[in-house]
């Protein structure tokens, strides 16, 4: 019986480190890309609440309506 050499597995690429030194997970990267796309659509707002389902809320929206939405600073604000 012949011995076959094991194929080398491709090396996994580590996620880019965040500014604070922590690594960004794939899920966080997807969420940030999604939030970034939404923020581009609303350059008139300096800040927006965005939830995990894509809901967008103005800063004055009551907490019981916006639920678990996160507040993002809009880098596209004009």
C-alpha atoms as a PDB file:
ATOM      1  CA  UNK A   1       0.000   0.000   0.000  1.00  0.00           C
ATOM      2  CA  UNK A   2       1.391   3.370  -1.012  1.00  0.00           C
ATOM      3  CA  UNK A   3       1.523   6.292   1.363  1.00  0.00           C
ATOM      4  CA  UNK A   4       0.039   9.466  -0.004  1.00  0.00           C
ATOM      5  CA  UNK A   5       1.182  12.832   1.152  1.00  0.00           C
ATOM      6  CA  UNK A   6      -1.469  14.786   2.965  1.00  0.00           C
ATOM      7  CA  UNK A   7      -2.610  17.832   1.067  1.00  0.00           C
ATOM      8  CA  UNK A   8      -1.806  21.089   2.743  1.00  0.00           C
ATOM      9  CA  UNK A   9      -4.899  22.945   3.894  1.00  0.00           C
ATOM     10  CA  UNK A  10      -5.086  26.570   2.815  1.00  0.00           C
ATOM     11  CA  UNK A  11      -4.115  28.981   5.529  1.00  0.00           C
ATOM     12  CA  UNK A  12      -6.983  30.807   7.187  1.00  0.00           C
ATOM     13  CA  UNK A  13      -6.787  34.539   6.955  1.00  0.00           C
ATOM     14  CA  UNK A  14      -7.225  36.382  10.216  1.00  0.00           C
ATOM     15  CA  UNK A  15      -9.805  39.186  10.313  1.00  0.00           C
ATOM     16  CA  UNK A  16      -8.539  42.740  10.268  1.00  0.00           C
ATOM     17  CA  UNK A  17      -7.864  44.086  13.774  1.00  0.00           C
ATOM     18  CA  UNK A  18     -10.089  46.892  15.041  1.00  0.00           C
ATOM     19  CA  UNK A  19      -8.710  50.216  16.225  1.00  0.00           C
ATOM     20  CA  UNK A  20      -8.781  48.958  19.828  1.00  0.00           C
ATOM     21  CA  UNK A  21      -6.733  45.878  18.899  1.00  0.00           C
ATOM     22  CA  UNK A  22      -9.617  43.389  18.945  1.00  0.00           C
ATOM     23  CA  UNK A  23     -10.439  41.342  15.851  1.00  0.00           C
ATOM     24  CA  UNK A  24     -13.683  41.938  13.989  1.00  0.00           C
ATOM     25  CA  UNK A  25     -15.815  38.837  13.538  1.00  0.00           C
ATOM     26  CA  UNK A  26     -17.413  37.933  10.225  1.00  0.00           C
ATOM     27  CA  UNK A  27     -20.857  38.746  11.628  1.00  0.00           C
ATOM     28  CA  UNK A  28     -19.706  42.174  12.843  1.00  0.00           C
ATOM     29  CA  UNK A  29     -18.134  42.883   9.457  1.00  0.00           C
ATOM     30  CA  UNK A  30     -21.426  42.029   7.703  1.00  0.00           C
ATOM     31  CA  UNK A  31     -23.402  44.194  10.128  1.00  0.00           C
ATOM     32  CA  UNK A  32     -21.027  47.110   9.638  1.00  0.00           C
ATOM     33  CA  UNK A  33     -21.193  46.779   5.851  1.00  0.00           C
ATOM     34  CA  UNK A  34     -24.997  46.698   6.057  1.00  0.00           C
ATOM     35  CA  UNK A  35     -25.095  49.750   8.333  1.00  0.00           C
ATOM     36  CA  UNK A  36     -22.640  51.566   6.066  1.00  0.00           C
ATOM     37  CA  UNK A  37     -24.886  50.972   3.047  1.00  0.00           C
ATOM     38  CA  UNK A  38     -27.882  52.349   4.954  1.00  0.00           C
ATOM     39  CA  UNK A  39     -25.963  55.397   6.201  1.00  0.00           C
ATOM     40  CA  UNK A  40     -25.057  56.259   2.583  1.00  0.00           C
ATOM     41  CA  UNK A  41     -28.784  56.485   1.824  1.00  0.00           C
ATOM     42  CA  UNK A  42     -29.395  59.074   4.561  1.00  0.00           C
ATOM     43  CA  UNK A  43     -26.626  61.716   4.366  1.00  0.00           C
ATOM     44  CA  UNK A  44     -28.995  64.320   5.860  1.00  0.00           C
ATOM     45  CA  UNK A  45     -28.773  62.646   9.310  1.00  0.00           C
ATOM     46  CA  UNK A  46     -25.694  63.028  11.535  1.00  0.00           C
ATOM     47  CA  UNK A  47     -26.760  59.919  13.511  1.00  0.00           C
ATOM     48  CA  UNK A  48     -29.196  57.075  12.879  1.00  0.00           C
ATOM     49  CA  UNK A  49     -30.445  54.072  14.813  1.00  0.00           C
ATOM     50  CA  UNK A  50     -30.254  50.854  12.776  1.00  0.00           C
ATOM     51  CA  UNK A  51     -31.559  47.515  14.008  1.00  0.00           C
ATOM     52  CA  UNK A  52     -30.489  43.997  13.006  1.00  0.00           C
ATOM     53  CA  UNK A  53     -33.387  43.632  10.595  1.00  0.00           C
ATOM     54  CA  UNK A  54     -32.524  46.767   8.621  1.00  0.00           C
ATOM     55  CA  UNK A  55     -34.964  49.085  10.367  1.00  0.00           C
ATOM     56  CA  UNK A  56     -33.859  52.715  10.390  1.00  0.00           C
ATOM     57  CA  UNK A  57     -34.899  55.209  13.054  1.00  0.00           C
ATOM     58  CA  UNK A  58     -34.215  58.924  13.524  1.00  0.00           C
ATOM     59  CA  UNK A  59     -32.460  59.982  16.755  1.00  0.00           C
ATOM     60  CA  UNK A  60     -35.728  61.292  18.247  1.00  0.00           C
ATOM     61  CA  UNK A  61     -37.511  57.926  17.986  1.00  0.00           C
ATOM     62  CA  UNK A  62     -38.647  56.622  21.415  1.00  0.00           C
ATOM     63  CA  UNK A  63     -36.744  53.584  22.742  1.00  0.00           C
ATOM     64  CA  UNK A  64     -39.876  51.414  22.928  1.00  0.00           C
ATOM     65  CA  UNK A  65     -40.331  51.842  19.157  1.00  0.00           C
ATOM     66  CA  UNK A  66     -36.711  51.408  18.010  1.00  0.00           C
ATOM     67  CA  UNK A  67     -36.110  48.407  20.315  1.00  0.00           C
ATOM     68  CA  UNK A  68     -32.543  47.077  20.182  1.00  0.00           C
ATOM     69  CA  UNK A  69     -31.396  49.352  17.368  1.00  0.00           C
ATOM     70  CA  UNK A  70     -27.830  50.655  17.652  1.00  0.00           C
ATOM     71  CA  UNK A  71     -26.901  54.295  17.227  1.00  0.00           C
ATOM     72  CA  UNK A  72     -24.439  54.945  14.383  1.00  0.00           C
ATOM     73  CA  UNK A  73     -22.628  58.192  13.596  1.00  0.00           C
ATOM     74  CA  UNK A  74     -23.053  58.911   9.904  1.00  0.00           C
ATOM     75  CA  UNK A  75     -19.716  59.558   8.223  1.00  0.00           C
ATOM     76  CA  UNK A  76     -21.615  60.571   5.070  1.00  0.00           C
ATOM     77  CA  UNK A  77     -23.437  63.423   6.830  1.00  0.00           C
ATOM     78  CA  UNK A  78     -23.302  66.656   4.830  1.00  0.00           C
END
